[in-house]
């Protein structure tokens, strides 16, 4: 599990050539020594992101759109779901791009973060995968199902299992953070084990099936449209991924510009052309 705390700074070739400049002005947050422009905000934005697809989308914006918009973007990759918000609160990054509304809501409630979210950029359909079953019907009686351990994704995973016809959650509200103990009907007597999301693809062979987030499926080389037993519907999904920043920076013009670029026609076309397997769907 040691690699879960790895953070990798991505830069373009041009960024590497000018690393001295980047280190001088990456952020206006405490402790980073940021150099401010006339607006009081930095032209360089340090953005935390999951490697796939978030960092890839940001890299496209950095390479193709940011310069004309007067922005410079540094991308910091995270392989877990907890550190990005901690680093954002601490001022180590200016924004992050990896989370959904329910996940963010739970993080704010549990940690007291004062964050603002933009509009949905894309959806990564959750999928049910197995190395032992070739269909939902083939999942064994009493089989063990791996679920993502953070509360928002545990609930989302259980909703997926309900949609697949494996369980029933009764009349639990759609936005409720349901847990395995909230399952009302379980005809196959399935068992549930919660793991850190990135571990599920690596441990899939140990379970009857596993619910895997889209970004982790992509990193593991899985193709949702082909490899999943059941895939979360993309239309009208409440699970769109968002750009998030500290609420104190609501007036930052550079953050506003990045939010605008992430919802541009160019980014929509990039998503549609790059992720043709249905693993990533534009949310705008």
C-alpha atoms as a PDB file:
ATOM      1  CA  UNK A   1       0.000   0.000   0.000  1.00  0.00           C
ATOM      2  CA  UNK A   2       2.968   2.311   0.092  1.00  0.00           C
ATOM      3  CA  UNK A   3       2.321   3.518  -3.428  1.00  0.00           C
ATOM      4  CA  UNK A   4      -1.020   4.981  -2.369  1.00  0.00           C
ATOM      5  CA  UNK A   5       0.706   8.043  -0.974  1.00  0.00           C
ATOM      6  CA  UNK A   6       2.878   8.603  -4.033  1.00  0.00           C
ATOM      7  CA  UNK A   7       2.460  11.998  -5.623  1.00  0.00           C
ATOM      8  CA  UNK A   8       3.991  12.640  -9.000  1.00  0.00           C
ATOM      9  CA  UNK A   9       4.483  16.108 -10.414  1.00  0.00           C
ATOM     10  CA  UNK A  10       3.801  16.206 -14.133  1.00  0.00           C
ATOM     11  CA  UNK A  11       5.233  18.923 -16.323  1.00  0.00           C
ATOM     12  CA  UNK A  12       5.571  19.426 -20.045  1.00  0.00           C
ATOM     13  CA  UNK A  13       8.962  19.686 -21.693  1.00  0.00           C
ATOM     14  CA  UNK A  14       8.599  23.424 -21.706  1.00  0.00           C
ATOM     15  CA  UNK A  15       7.670  23.328 -18.024  1.00  0.00           C
ATOM     16  CA  UNK A  16      10.800  21.360 -17.227  1.00  0.00           C
ATOM     17  CA  UNK A  17      12.942  23.878 -19.051  1.00  0.00           C
ATOM     18  CA  UNK A  18      11.434  26.621 -16.951  1.00  0.00           C
ATOM     19  CA  UNK A  19      11.264  24.813 -13.636  1.00  0.00           C
ATOM     20  CA  UNK A  20      12.926  27.693 -11.854  1.00  0.00           C
ATOM     21  CA  UNK A  21      10.085  29.951 -12.885  1.00  0.00           C
ATOM     22  CA  UNK A  22       7.478  27.388 -11.845  1.00  0.00           C
ATOM     23  CA  UNK A  23       8.952  26.960  -8.397  1.00  0.00           C
ATOM     24  CA  UNK A  24       8.889  30.707  -7.931  1.00  0.00           C
ATOM     25  CA  UNK A  25       5.207  31.162  -8.653  1.00  0.00           C
ATOM     26  CA  UNK A  26       3.209  27.956  -8.269  1.00  0.00           C
ATOM     27  CA  UNK A  27       0.726  29.255  -5.727  1.00  0.00           C
ATOM     28  CA  UNK A  28      -0.323  32.187  -3.608  1.00  0.00           C
ATOM     29  CA  UNK A  29      -1.128  29.874  -0.710  1.00  0.00           C
ATOM     30  CA  UNK A  30       0.789  30.066   2.587  1.00  0.00           C
ATOM     31  CA  UNK A  31       4.213  28.460   2.485  1.00  0.00           C
ATOM     32  CA  UNK A  32       4.562  28.217  -1.289  1.00  0.00           C
ATOM     33  CA  UNK A  33       6.112  31.603  -1.973  1.00  0.00           C
ATOM     34  CA  UNK A  34       3.748  32.351  -4.865  1.00  0.00           C
ATOM     35  CA  UNK A  35       4.305  35.480  -6.907  1.00  0.00           C
ATOM     36  CA  UNK A  36       1.010  37.289  -7.515  1.00  0.00           C
ATOM     37  CA  UNK A  37      -0.132  39.124 -10.585  1.00  0.00           C
ATOM     38  CA  UNK A  38      -2.146  42.336 -10.692  1.00  0.00           C
ATOM     39  CA  UNK A  39      -5.355  40.468  -9.865  1.00  0.00           C
ATOM     40  CA  UNK A  40      -3.830  39.075  -6.649  1.00  0.00           C
ATOM     41  CA  UNK A  41      -3.894  35.532  -8.038  1.00  0.00           C
ATOM     42  CA  UNK A  42      -1.203  33.482  -9.704  1.00  0.00           C
ATOM     43  CA  UNK A  43      -1.117  32.777 -13.412  1.00  0.00           C
ATOM     44  CA  UNK A  44       0.240  29.312 -12.548  1.00  0.00           C
ATOM     45  CA  UNK A  45      -2.382  26.946 -11.147  1.00  0.00           C
ATOM     46  CA  UNK A  46      -1.306  23.820  -9.287  1.00  0.00           C
ATOM     47  CA  UNK A  47      -4.071  21.246  -9.748  1.00  0.00           C
ATOM     48  CA  UNK A  48      -4.306  17.835  -8.084  1.00  0.00           C
ATOM     49  CA  UNK A  49      -5.816  15.029 -10.156  1.00  0.00           C
ATOM     50  CA  UNK A  50      -6.222  11.280 -10.484  1.00  0.00           C
ATOM     51  CA  UNK A  51      -3.911   9.984 -13.242  1.00  0.00           C
ATOM     52  CA  UNK A  52      -6.680   8.741 -15.540  1.00  0.00           C
ATOM     53  CA  UNK A  53      -8.636  10.440 -16.971  1.00  0.00           C
ATOM     54  CA  UNK A  54      -8.420  13.640 -14.942  1.00  0.00           C
ATOM     55  CA  UNK A  55      -4.715  14.339 -15.429  1.00  0.00           C
ATOM     56  CA  UNK A  56      -5.042  13.442 -19.111  1.00  0.00           C
ATOM     57  CA  UNK A  57      -7.867  15.937 -19.580  1.00  0.00           C
ATOM     58  CA  UNK A  58      -5.903  18.606 -17.716  1.00  0.00           C
ATOM     59  CA  UNK A  59      -2.828  17.851 -19.823  1.00  0.00           C
ATOM     60  CA  UNK A  60      -4.894  18.461 -22.963  1.00  0.00           C
ATOM     61  CA  UNK A  61      -6.072  21.791 -21.541  1.00  0.00           C
ATOM     62  CA  UNK A  62      -2.488  22.675 -20.601  1.00  0.00           C
ATOM     63  CA  UNK A  63      -1.078  21.769 -24.008  1.00  0.00           C
ATOM     64  CA  UNK A  64      -3.830  23.047 -26.289  1.00  0.00           C
ATOM     65  CA  UNK A  65      -5.891  25.730 -24.551  1.00  0.00           C
ATOM     66  CA  UNK A  66      -4.200  27.223 -21.496  1.00  0.00           C
ATOM     67  CA  UNK A  67      -1.602  29.416 -23.196  1.00  0.00           C
ATOM     68  CA  UNK A  68      -4.149  31.332 -25.260  1.00  0.00           C
ATOM     69  CA  UNK A  69      -6.198  31.821 -22.090  1.00  0.00           C
ATOM     70  CA  UNK A  70      -3.211  33.234 -20.197  1.00  0.00           C
ATOM     71  CA  UNK A  71      -2.879  30.234 -17.887  1.00  0.00           C
ATOM     72  CA  UNK A  72      -0.060  27.924 -16.888  1.00  0.00           C
ATOM     73  CA  UNK A  73      -1.038  24.680 -15.204  1.00  0.00           C
ATOM     74  CA  UNK A  74       0.961  22.273 -13.060  1.00  0.00           C
ATOM     75  CA  UNK A  75      -0.594  18.860 -12.595  1.00  0.00           C
ATOM     76  CA  UNK A  76      -0.010  16.831  -9.428  1.00  0.00           C
ATOM     77  CA  UNK A  77      -1.083  13.191  -9.673  1.00  0.00           C
ATOM     78  CA  UNK A  78      -2.627  11.374  -6.709  1.00  0.00           C
ATOM     79  CA  UNK A  79      -3.308   7.660  -6.517  1.00  0.00           C
ATOM     80  CA  UNK A  80      -5.711   7.857  -3.578  1.00  0.00           C
ATOM     81  CA  UNK A  81      -8.884   9.811  -2.794  1.00  0.00           C
ATOM     82  CA  UNK A  82      -7.962  11.356   0.565  1.00  0.00           C
ATOM     83  CA  UNK A  83      -4.728  13.316   0.076  1.00  0.00           C
ATOM     84  CA  UNK A  84      -5.981  15.631  -2.692  1.00  0.00           C
ATOM     85  CA  UNK A  85      -8.458  17.402  -0.415  1.00  0.00           C
ATOM     86  CA  UNK A  86      -6.009  17.523   2.488  1.00  0.00           C
ATOM     87  CA  UNK A  87      -3.402  19.160   0.278  1.00  0.00           C
ATOM     88  CA  UNK A  88      -5.954  21.575  -1.156  1.00  0.00           C
ATOM     89  CA  UNK A  89      -6.972  22.705   2.319  1.00  0.00           C
ATOM     90  CA  UNK A  90      -3.311  23.050   3.320  1.00  0.00           C
ATOM     91  CA  UNK A  91      -2.615  25.286   0.323  1.00  0.00           C
ATOM     92  CA  UNK A  92      -0.284  22.822  -1.374  1.00  0.00           C
ATOM     93  CA  UNK A  93      -2.519  22.931  -4.458  1.00  0.00           C
ATOM     94  CA  UNK A  94      -4.875  25.563  -5.862  1.00  0.00           C
ATOM     95  CA  UNK A  95      -7.608  23.158  -6.985  1.00  0.00           C
ATOM     96  CA  UNK A  96      -8.255  19.497  -7.579  1.00  0.00           C
ATOM     97  CA  UNK A  97     -10.103  17.490 -10.187  1.00  0.00           C
ATOM     98  CA  UNK A  98     -11.099  13.948  -9.227  1.00  0.00           C
ATOM     99  CA  UNK A  99     -14.279  13.855  -7.135  1.00  0.00           C
ATOM    100  CA  UNK A 100     -18.053  13.625  -7.476  1.00  0.00           C
ATOM    101  CA  UNK A 101     -20.704  15.690  -5.631  1.00  0.00           C
ATOM    102  CA  UNK A 102     -21.612  13.004  -3.077  1.00  0.00           C
ATOM    103  CA  UNK A 103     -17.970  12.250  -2.319  1.00  0.00           C
ATOM    104  CA  UNK A 104     -17.235  15.966  -1.877  1.00  0.00           C
ATOM    105  CA  UNK A 105     -20.293  16.418   0.343  1.00  0.00           C
ATOM    106  CA  UNK A 106     -19.146  13.602   2.612  1.00  0.00           C
ATOM    107  CA  UNK A 107     -15.579  14.960   2.745  1.00  0.00           C
ATOM    108  CA  UNK A 108     -16.869  18.405   3.735  1.00  0.00           C
ATOM    109  CA  UNK A 109     -19.146  16.962   6.422  1.00  0.00           C
ATOM    110  CA  UNK A 110     -16.397  14.776   7.891  1.00  0.00           C
ATOM    111  CA  UNK A 111     -13.490  17.231   7.684  1.00  0.00           C
ATOM    112  CA  UNK A 112     -15.045  20.692   7.723  1.00  0.00           C
ATOM    113  CA  UNK A 113     -13.485  21.713   4.409  1.00  0.00           C
ATOM    114  CA  UNK A 114     -14.565  25.062   2.998  1.00  0.00           C
ATOM    115  CA  UNK A 115     -14.539  24.212  -0.687  1.00  0.00           C
ATOM    116  CA  UNK A 116     -16.430  25.325  -3.770  1.00  0.00           C
ATOM    117  CA  UNK A 117     -17.202  23.015  -6.685  1.00  0.00           C
ATOM    118  CA  UNK A 118     -17.628  23.834 -10.335  1.00  0.00           C
ATOM    119  CA  UNK A 119     -20.041  22.131 -12.697  1.00  0.00           C
ATOM    120  CA  UNK A 120     -19.752  18.522 -13.824  1.00  0.00           C
ATOM    121  CA  UNK A 121     -17.056  17.888 -16.431  1.00  0.00           C
ATOM    122  CA  UNK A 122     -17.333  14.173 -17.124  1.00  0.00           C
ATOM    123  CA  UNK A 123     -18.759  10.908 -15.858  1.00  0.00           C
ATOM    124  CA  UNK A 124     -16.835   7.677 -15.292  1.00  0.00           C
ATOM    125  CA  UNK A 125     -19.459   4.933 -15.124  1.00  0.00           C
ATOM    126  CA  UNK A 126     -18.995   2.549 -12.225  1.00  0.00           C
ATOM    127  CA  UNK A 127     -18.714  -1.071 -13.304  1.00  0.00           C
ATOM    128  CA  UNK A 128     -19.113  -4.553 -11.862  1.00  0.00           C
ATOM    129  CA  UNK A 129     -16.184  -6.774 -12.892  1.00  0.00           C
ATOM    130  CA  UNK A 130     -15.242 -10.394 -12.290  1.00  0.00           C
ATOM    131  CA  UNK A 131     -12.521 -12.868 -13.189  1.00  0.00           C
ATOM    132  CA  UNK A 132     -14.765 -15.788 -12.220  1.00  0.00           C
ATOM    133  CA  UNK A 133     -18.170 -14.966 -13.684  1.00  0.00           C
ATOM    134  CA  UNK A 134     -19.029 -14.054 -17.259  1.00  0.00           C
ATOM    135  CA  UNK A 135     -22.407 -12.547 -16.401  1.00  0.00           C
ATOM    136  CA  UNK A 136     -24.274 -11.166 -13.413  1.00  0.00           C
ATOM    137  CA  UNK A 137     -26.287 -14.383 -13.283  1.00  0.00           C
ATOM    138  CA  UNK A 138     -23.099 -16.458 -12.916  1.00  0.00           C
ATOM    139  CA  UNK A 139     -21.989 -14.725  -9.711  1.00  0.00           C
ATOM    140  CA  UNK A 140     -21.846 -17.523  -7.157  1.00  0.00           C
ATOM    141  CA  UNK A 141     -24.239 -17.977  -4.266  1.00  0.00           C
ATOM    142  CA  UNK A 142     -22.577 -16.587  -1.138  1.00  0.00           C
ATOM    143  CA  UNK A 143     -19.946 -14.853  -3.242  1.00  0.00           C
ATOM    144  CA  UNK A 144     -17.872 -12.031  -1.829  1.00  0.00           C
ATOM    145  CA  UNK A 145     -18.173  -8.637  -3.538  1.00  0.00           C
ATOM    146  CA  UNK A 146     -15.460  -5.979  -3.214  1.00  0.00           C
ATOM    147  CA  UNK A 147     -16.684  -2.407  -2.707  1.00  0.00           C
ATOM    148  CA  UNK A 148     -14.796   0.884  -2.564  1.00  0.00           C
ATOM    149  CA  UNK A 149     -14.356   1.744   1.112  1.00  0.00           C
ATOM    150  CA  UNK A 150     -15.065   5.480   1.120  1.00  0.00           C
ATOM    151  CA  UNK A 151     -18.701   6.084   2.156  1.00  0.00           C
ATOM    152  CA  UNK A 152     -19.865   7.849  -1.002  1.00  0.00           C
ATOM    153  CA  UNK A 153     -18.473   5.152  -3.286  1.00  0.00           C
ATOM    154  CA  UNK A 154     -19.671   2.331  -1.035  1.00  0.00           C
ATOM    155  CA  UNK A 155     -23.190   3.705  -1.420  1.00  0.00           C
ATOM    156  CA  UNK A 156     -22.735   4.173  -5.150  1.00  0.00           C
ATOM    157  CA  UNK A 157     -21.489   0.598  -5.480  1.00  0.00           C
ATOM    158  CA  UNK A 158     -24.492  -0.771  -3.623  1.00  0.00           C
ATOM    159  CA  UNK A 159     -26.768   1.223  -5.926  1.00  0.00           C
ATOM    160  CA  UNK A 160     -25.019  -0.414  -8.865  1.00  0.00           C
ATOM    161  CA  UNK A 161     -25.593  -3.879  -7.392  1.00  0.00           C
ATOM    162  CA  UNK A 162     -29.246  -2.993  -6.901  1.00  0.00           C
ATOM    163  CA  UNK A 163     -29.536  -1.849 -10.523  1.00  0.00           C
ATOM    164  CA  UNK A 164     -27.957  -5.147 -11.579  1.00  0.00           C
ATOM    165  CA  UNK A 165     -30.693  -7.029  -9.707  1.00  0.00           C
ATOM    166  CA  UNK A 166     -28.389  -8.586  -7.124  1.00  0.00           C
ATOM    167  CA  UNK A 167     -29.730  -6.807  -4.027  1.00  0.00           C
ATOM    168  CA  UNK A 168     -32.457  -4.428  -2.915  1.00  0.00           C
ATOM    169  CA  UNK A 169     -31.997  -1.383  -0.704  1.00  0.00           C
ATOM    170  CA  UNK A 170     -35.708  -1.015  -0.067  1.00  0.00           C
ATOM    171  CA  UNK A 171     -36.971   2.543   0.069  1.00  0.00           C
ATOM    172  CA  UNK A 172     -33.652   4.175   1.010  1.00  0.00           C
ATOM    173  CA  UNK A 173     -33.478   7.724  -0.446  1.00  0.00           C
ATOM    174  CA  UNK A 174     -31.413   8.043  -3.614  1.00  0.00           C
ATOM    175  CA  UNK A 175     -28.910  10.383  -1.952  1.00  0.00           C
ATOM    176  CA  UNK A 176     -28.526   8.308   1.226  1.00  0.00           C
ATOM    177  CA  UNK A 177     -25.041   7.002   2.005  1.00  0.00           C
ATOM    178  CA  UNK A 178     -26.237   3.424   2.301  1.00  0.00           C
ATOM    179  CA  UNK A 179     -24.008   0.725   3.769  1.00  0.00           C
ATOM    180  CA  UNK A 180     -23.958  -3.077   3.420  1.00  0.00           C
ATOM    181  CA  UNK A 181     -26.072  -3.373   6.564  1.00  0.00           C
ATOM    182  CA  UNK A 182     -28.807  -1.375   4.778  1.00  0.00           C
ATOM    183  CA  UNK A 183     -29.353  -4.147   2.224  1.00  0.00           C
ATOM    184  CA  UNK A 184     -32.956  -5.359   2.552  1.00  0.00           C
ATOM    185  CA  UNK A 185     -32.973  -8.220   0.060  1.00  0.00           C
ATOM    186  CA  UNK A 186     -29.980 -10.375  -0.862  1.00  0.00           C
ATOM    187  CA  UNK A 187     -31.192 -13.471  -2.767  1.00  0.00           C
ATOM    188  CA  UNK A 188     -27.666 -14.819  -3.401  1.00  0.00           C
ATOM    189  CA  UNK A 189     -26.550 -14.154   0.194  1.00  0.00           C
ATOM    190  CA  UNK A 190     -23.649 -12.114  -1.089  1.00  0.00           C
ATOM    191  CA  UNK A 191     -20.968 -10.895   1.300  1.00  0.00           C
ATOM    192  CA  UNK A 192     -19.370  -7.467   1.059  1.00  0.00           C
ATOM    193  CA  UNK A 193     -15.782  -6.420   1.684  1.00  0.00           C
ATOM    194  CA  UNK A 194     -14.675  -2.791   1.553  1.00  0.00           C
ATOM    195  CA  UNK A 195     -11.232  -1.951   0.134  1.00  0.00           C
ATOM    196  CA  UNK A 196      -9.405   1.176  -0.950  1.00  0.00           C
ATOM    197  CA  UNK A 197     -10.641   1.734  -4.499  1.00  0.00           C
ATOM    198  CA  UNK A 198      -7.275   1.355  -6.202  1.00  0.00           C
ATOM    199  CA  UNK A 199      -6.763  -2.083  -4.638  1.00  0.00           C
ATOM    200  CA  UNK A 200      -9.888  -3.655  -6.107  1.00  0.00           C
ATOM    201  CA  UNK A 201      -8.582  -4.220  -9.669  1.00  0.00           C
ATOM    202  CA  UNK A 202      -5.399  -5.793  -8.274  1.00  0.00           C
ATOM    203  CA  UNK A 203      -7.380  -8.041  -5.921  1.00  0.00           C
ATOM    204  CA  UNK A 204     -10.244  -8.900  -8.260  1.00  0.00           C
ATOM    205  CA  UNK A 205      -9.265 -12.569  -8.475  1.00  0.00           C
ATOM    206  CA  UNK A 206      -9.812 -12.917  -4.730  1.00  0.00           C
ATOM    207  CA  UNK A 207     -13.512 -12.053  -5.026  1.00  0.00           C
ATOM    208  CA  UNK A 208     -16.589 -13.273  -6.836  1.00  0.00           C
ATOM    209  CA  UNK A 209     -16.814  -9.776  -8.303  1.00  0.00           C
ATOM    210  CA  UNK A 210     -15.765  -6.220  -7.580  1.00  0.00           C
ATOM    211  CA  UNK A 211     -17.242  -2.781  -8.116  1.00  0.00           C
ATOM    212  CA  UNK A 212     -14.570  -0.603  -9.714  1.00  0.00           C
ATOM    213  CA  UNK A 213     -14.525   3.145 -10.282  1.00  0.00           C
ATOM    214  CA  UNK A 214     -13.984   4.219 -13.867  1.00  0.00           C
ATOM    215  CA  UNK A 215     -10.594   5.817 -13.307  1.00  0.00           C
ATOM    216  CA  UNK A 216      -9.230   2.730 -11.530  1.00  0.00           C
ATOM    217  CA  UNK A 217     -10.629   0.499 -14.273  1.00  0.00           C
ATOM    218  CA  UNK A 218      -8.821   2.579 -16.888  1.00  0.00           C
ATOM    219  CA  UNK A 219      -5.549   2.466 -14.955  1.00  0.00           C
ATOM    220  CA  UNK A 220      -5.866  -1.334 -14.754  1.00  0.00           C
ATOM    221  CA  UNK A 221      -6.370  -1.617 -18.507  1.00  0.00           C
ATOM    222  CA  UNK A 222     -10.019  -2.641 -18.235  1.00  0.00           C
ATOM    223  CA  UNK A 223     -12.461  -1.601 -20.951  1.00  0.00           C
ATOM    224  CA  UNK A 224     -15.810  -0.893 -19.301  1.00  0.00           C
ATOM    225  CA  UNK A 225     -17.944  -1.542 -22.382  1.00  0.00           C
ATOM    226  CA  UNK A 226     -16.300  -4.938 -22.954  1.00  0.00           C
ATOM    227  CA  UNK A 227     -15.050  -6.157 -19.596  1.00  0.00           C
ATOM    228  CA  UNK A 228     -17.781  -5.194 -17.129  1.00  0.00           C
ATOM    229  CA  UNK A 229     -20.648  -7.486 -16.202  1.00  0.00           C
ATOM    230  CA  UNK A 230     -22.815  -4.445 -15.556  1.00  0.00           C
ATOM    231  CA  UNK A 231     -22.147  -0.774 -16.187  1.00  0.00           C
ATOM    232  CA  UNK A 232     -23.667   2.256 -14.508  1.00  0.00           C
ATOM    233  CA  UNK A 233     -25.891   4.302 -16.856  1.00  0.00           C
ATOM    234  CA  UNK A 234     -24.244   7.547 -17.963  1.00  0.00           C
ATOM    235  CA  UNK A 235     -27.310   9.618 -18.786  1.00  0.00           C
ATOM    236  CA  UNK A 236     -28.515  12.029 -16.074  1.00  0.00           C
ATOM    237  CA  UNK A 237     -25.864  10.682 -13.721  1.00  0.00           C
ATOM    238  CA  UNK A 238     -25.410  12.480 -10.375  1.00  0.00           C
ATOM    239  CA  UNK A 239     -21.791  11.322 -10.342  1.00  0.00           C
ATOM    240  CA  UNK A 240     -20.139  13.865 -12.626  1.00  0.00           C
ATOM    241  CA  UNK A 241     -16.542  14.753 -11.739  1.00  0.00           C
ATOM    242  CA  UNK A 242     -15.877  18.333 -10.663  1.00  0.00           C
ATOM    243  CA  UNK A 243     -13.145  20.931 -10.377  1.00  0.00           C
ATOM    244  CA  UNK A 244     -12.911  21.939  -6.698  1.00  0.00           C
ATOM    245  CA  UNK A 245     -11.128  24.859  -5.019  1.00  0.00           C
ATOM    246  CA  UNK A 246     -11.018  26.636  -1.657  1.00  0.00           C
ATOM    247  CA  UNK A 247     -14.041  28.891  -1.140  1.00  0.00           C
ATOM    248  CA  UNK A 248     -11.758  31.779  -0.207  1.00  0.00           C
ATOM    249  CA  UNK A 249     -10.559  31.702  -3.822  1.00  0.00           C
ATOM    250  CA  UNK A 250     -14.003  32.039  -5.401  1.00  0.00           C
ATOM    251  CA  UNK A 251     -12.935  35.318  -6.982  1.00  0.00           C
ATOM    252  CA  UNK A 252      -9.748  33.932  -8.533  1.00  0.00           C
ATOM    253  CA  UNK A 253      -9.976  34.779 -12.238  1.00  0.00           C
ATOM    254  CA  UNK A 254      -7.540  32.025 -13.215  1.00  0.00           C
ATOM    255  CA  UNK A 255      -9.684  29.374 -11.535  1.00  0.00           C
ATOM    256  CA  UNK A 256     -12.728  30.780 -13.319  1.00  0.00           C
ATOM    257  CA  UNK A 257     -10.876  30.523 -16.607  1.00  0.00           C
ATOM    258  CA  UNK A 258      -9.834  26.912 -15.954  1.00  0.00           C
ATOM    259  CA  UNK A 259     -13.428  26.028 -15.077  1.00  0.00           C
ATOM    260  CA  UNK A 260     -14.510  27.613 -18.358  1.00  0.00           C
ATOM    261  CA  UNK A 261     -11.908  25.710 -20.379  1.00  0.00           C
ATOM    262  CA  UNK A 262     -12.926  22.389 -18.821  1.00  0.00           C
ATOM    263  CA  UNK A 263     -16.414  22.974 -20.223  1.00  0.00           C
ATOM    264  CA  UNK A 264     -15.302  24.059 -23.672  1.00  0.00           C
ATOM    265  CA  UNK A 265     -16.305  22.431 -26.946  1.00  0.00           C
ATOM    266  CA  UNK A 266     -12.660  21.437 -27.404  1.00  0.00           C
ATOM    267  CA  UNK A 267     -12.568  19.464 -24.149  1.00  0.00           C
ATOM    268  CA  UNK A 268     -15.873  17.775 -24.942  1.00  0.00           C
ATOM    269  CA  UNK A 269     -14.515  16.682 -28.329  1.00  0.00           C
ATOM    270  CA  UNK A 270     -11.268  15.472 -26.705  1.00  0.00           C
ATOM    271  CA  UNK A 271     -13.192  13.285 -24.257  1.00  0.00           C
ATOM    272  CA  UNK A 272     -15.402  11.823 -26.970  1.00  0.00           C
ATOM    273  CA  UNK A 273     -12.480  11.048 -29.289  1.00  0.00           C
ATOM    274  CA  UNK A 274     -10.114   9.736 -26.613  1.00  0.00           C
ATOM    275  CA  UNK A 275     -12.363   7.476 -24.538  1.00  0.00           C
ATOM    276  CA  UNK A 276     -14.288   5.579 -27.185  1.00  0.00           C
ATOM    277  CA  UNK A 277     -14.914   2.579 -24.923  1.00  0.00           C
ATOM    278  CA  UNK A 278     -17.533   4.423 -22.862  1.00  0.00           C
ATOM    279  CA  UNK A 279     -15.248   4.728 -19.857  1.00  0.00           C
ATOM    280  CA  UNK A 280     -15.474   8.531 -19.806  1.00  0.00           C
ATOM    281  CA  UNK A 281     -18.517  10.517 -20.938  1.00  0.00           C
ATOM    282  CA  UNK A 282     -18.859  14.331 -21.141  1.00  0.00           C
ATOM    283  CA  UNK A 283     -21.280  15.750 -18.574  1.00  0.00           C
ATOM    284  CA  UNK A 284     -22.021  18.961 -20.473  1.00  0.00           C
END
